[in-house]
Amino acid sequence: MSHILIIEDNPLESDRMTEEMTKLGYETRSVTTGKDAISKAIESLPDIILLDLILPDMTGYDVCRTLRTHQKTSHIPIILLTVKGAIEDKVTGLGCGANDYVTKPYHLNELKARMEACLRAKGDMDKLIRDKEKTVENLTRAVELSITDPMTGIFNRRYSNDI
């Protein structure tokens, strides 16, 4: 089950989105301010973020930029979900690091398809990261084995030659 963070300042809209996402099988959390969004995203590391542009304390653009620059949240897909439909808004949003931009009112099936596309890409990225970490571990272990005696654990001649 994927975890979604909904960032929406309108409580009625937030409740409606939470209900829709729950029916689709997603686990959801929601916040109403940019500051809370950033701290909740860092704390809970959701699988995907649905972010409104209009928030009471900062813009969704600022939230998106902040999440993109933080090490823990830089890889989390962000879909901007807003009433702002001008081309300039879309270009700015995607330029801030959003993975997608959907205008309200949205069609639930379209939003679901866009979310699933983002989640597939995130899954691929997560696999690449895991594979890279495993490769680094294996290489580190291989180097250790090549420069130490397996019985004593003492450095061998190869270690001395490399110094």
Protein backbone atom coordinates (compact mmCIF):
# COMPACT_ATOMS: atom_id res chain seq x y z
CA MET A 1 0.00 0.00 0.00
CA SER A 2 1.47 3.33 -1.06
CA HIS A 3 1.55 6.25 1.35
CA ILE A 4 0.35 9.64 0.06
CA LEU A 5 0.90 13.01 1.67
CA ILE A 6 -1.85 15.46 0.74
CA ILE A 7 -0.97 19.13 1.16
CA GLU A 8 -4.19 21.11 0.83
CA ASP A 9 -5.26 24.24 2.73
CA ASN A 10 -9.00 23.73 2.20
CA PRO A 11 -10.25 21.23 4.84
CA LEU A 12 -13.25 20.15 2.75
CA GLU A 13 -11.09 19.49 -0.31
CA SER A 14 -8.52 17.70 1.85
CA ASP A 15 -11.21 15.44 3.35
CA ARG A 16 -12.63 14.67 -0.11
CA MET A 17 -9.20 13.82 -1.51
CA THR A 18 -8.37 11.68 1.51
CA GLU A 19 -11.61 9.75 1.08
CA GLU A 20 -10.99 9.24 -2.66
CA MET A 21 -7.41 8.07 -2.12
CA THR A 22 -8.45 5.72 0.69
CA LYS A 23 -11.08 4.15 -1.60
CA LEU A 24 -8.35 3.65 -4.21
CA GLY A 25 -6.32 1.73 -1.61
CA TYR A 26 -3.79 4.36 -0.61
CA GLU A 27 -2.79 5.24 2.93
CA THR A 28 -3.06 8.99 3.36
CA ARG A 29 -1.93 11.78 5.63
CA SER A 30 -2.81 15.41 5.11
CA VAL A 31 -1.55 18.79 6.23
CA THR A 32 -2.73 22.32 5.54
CA THR A 33 0.42 24.46 5.62
CA GLY A 34 3.74 24.48 3.80
CA LYS A 35 5.74 24.33 7.01
CA ASP A 36 3.80 21.27 8.22
CA ALA A 37 4.15 19.73 4.76
CA ILE A 38 7.92 19.94 4.81
CA SER A 39 8.27 18.53 8.32
CA LYS A 40 5.71 15.75 7.69
CA ALA A 41 7.37 14.76 4.41
CA ILE A 42 10.80 14.54 6.07
CA GLU A 43 9.37 12.64 9.04
CA SER A 44 7.13 10.15 7.22
CA LEU A 45 8.81 9.86 3.78
CA PRO A 46 5.64 9.31 1.75
CA ASP A 47 5.69 7.45 -1.56
CA ILE A 48 4.08 10.39 -3.36
CA ILE A 49 2.99 13.94 -2.56
CA LEU A 50 -0.10 15.77 -3.84
CA LEU A 51 0.66 19.46 -3.38
CA ASP A 52 -1.63 22.47 -3.74
CA LEU A 53 0.03 25.71 -4.86
CA ILE A 54 -2.09 27.96 -2.67
CA LEU A 55 -1.16 27.56 0.99
CA PRO A 56 -1.56 30.01 3.89
CA ASP A 57 2.11 30.36 4.85
CA MET A 58 4.10 29.78 1.64
CA THR A 59 3.53 28.81 -1.97
CA GLY A 60 3.47 25.25 -3.21
CA TYR A 61 6.40 26.23 -5.42
CA ASP A 62 8.44 27.00 -2.30
CA VAL A 63 7.44 23.71 -0.68
CA CYS A 64 8.39 21.83 -3.84
CA ARG A 65 11.79 23.55 -4.07
CA THR A 66 12.49 22.83 -0.40
CA LEU A 67 11.56 19.16 -0.70
CA ARG A 68 13.71 18.80 -3.82
CA THR A 69 16.78 20.17 -2.02
CA HIS A 70 16.43 18.01 1.10
CA GLN A 71 18.36 14.73 0.95
CA LYS A 72 15.55 12.65 2.46
CA THR A 73 12.77 13.96 0.18
CA SER A 74 14.54 14.77 -3.08
CA HIS A 75 13.40 11.53 -4.74
CA ILE A 76 9.73 11.60 -3.69
CA PRO A 77 7.37 12.23 -6.63
CA ILE A 78 5.41 15.48 -6.33
CA ILE A 79 2.22 16.16 -8.26
CA LEU A 80 1.06 19.76 -8.13
CA LEU A 81 -2.73 19.72 -7.85
CA THR A 82 -4.20 23.20 -8.13
CA VAL A 83 -6.81 25.51 -9.63
CA LYS A 84 -4.04 27.52 -11.30
CA GLY A 85 -4.13 26.39 -14.91
CA ALA A 86 -2.11 29.01 -16.78
CA ILE A 87 0.82 27.78 -18.84
CA GLU A 88 3.17 30.01 -16.82
CA ASP A 89 2.04 28.30 -13.60
CA LYS A 90 2.61 24.85 -15.08
CA VAL A 91 6.05 25.76 -16.41
CA THR A 92 7.04 27.28 -13.05
CA GLY A 93 5.75 24.24 -11.16
CA LEU A 94 7.59 21.75 -13.31
CA GLY A 95 10.66 23.99 -13.14
CA CYS A 96 10.52 23.82 -9.34
CA GLY A 97 10.92 20.06 -9.53
CA ALA A 98 7.36 18.74 -9.66
CA ASN A 99 6.94 15.47 -11.52
CA ASP A 100 3.50 16.38 -12.82
CA TYR A 101 0.90 19.16 -12.79
CA VAL A 102 -2.85 18.54 -12.62
CA THR A 103 -5.50 21.25 -12.56
CA LYS A 104 -8.65 21.18 -10.47
CA PRO A 105 -11.27 20.04 -10.93
CA TYR A 106 -9.48 16.82 -11.79
CA HIS A 107 -10.82 13.54 -13.09
CA LEU A 108 -10.05 10.85 -10.51
CA ASN A 109 -9.07 8.21 -13.09
CA GLU A 110 -6.61 10.60 -14.72
CA LEU A 111 -5.08 11.55 -11.36
CA LYS A 112 -4.80 7.88 -10.41
CA ALA A 113 -3.05 7.08 -13.72
CA ARG A 114 -0.60 9.95 -13.22
CA MET A 115 0.07 8.86 -9.64
CA GLU A 116 0.69 5.29 -10.73
CA ALA A 117 3.11 6.47 -13.42
CA CYS A 118 5.03 8.46 -10.80
CA LEU A 119 5.01 5.52 -8.40
CA ARG A 120 6.36 3.18 -11.11
CA ALA A 121 9.19 5.60 -11.83
CA LYS A 122 9.90 5.92 -8.08
CA GLY A 123 9.95 2.12 -7.76
CA ASP A 124 12.49 1.91 -10.59
CA MET A 125 14.62 4.60 -8.96
CA ASP A 126 14.42 2.91 -5.54
CA LYS A 127 15.56 -0.37 -7.15
CA LEU A 128 18.52 1.36 -8.82
CA ILE A 129 19.52 2.90 -5.48
CA ARG A 130 19.28 -0.48 -3.71
CA ASP A 131 21.28 -2.15 -6.49
CA LYS A 132 23.95 0.55 -6.29
CA GLU A 133 24.22 0.18 -2.51
CA LYS A 134 24.52 -3.61 -2.84
CA THR A 135 27.20 -3.24 -5.54
CA VAL A 136 29.20 -0.87 -3.31
CA GLU A 137 28.91 -3.33 -0.41
CA ASN A 138 30.06 -6.21 -2.62
CA LEU A 139 33.01 -4.22 -3.99
CA THR A 140 34.04 -3.15 -0.50
CA ARG A 141 33.91 -6.75 0.67
CA ALA A 142 35.89 -7.93 -2.36
CA VAL A 143 38.63 -5.38 -1.64
CA GLU A 144 38.74 -6.48 2.00
CA LEU A 145 39.08 -10.12 0.97
CA SER A 146 41.81 -9.31 -1.53
CA ILE A 147 44.06 -7.49 0.97
CA THR A 148 43.61 -9.60 4.12
CA ASP A 149 44.50 -13.13 5.06
CA PRO A 150 41.25 -15.09 5.46
CA MET A 151 42.47 -17.06 8.49
CA THR A 152 44.12 -14.35 10.54
CA GLY A 153 42.45 -11.20 9.23
CA ILE A 154 45.89 -9.58 8.97
CA PHE A 155 46.79 -7.53 5.92
CA ASN A 156 48.55 -9.61 3.25
CA ARG A 157 51.24 -8.84 0.64
CA ARG A 158 48.69 -7.22 -1.75
CA TYR A 159 47.95 -4.60 0.90
CA SER A 160 51.67 -3.83 1.23
CA ASN A 161 52.07 -3.59 -2.56
CA ASP A 162 49.24 -1.06 -2.89
CA ILE A 163 50.67 1.35 -0.31
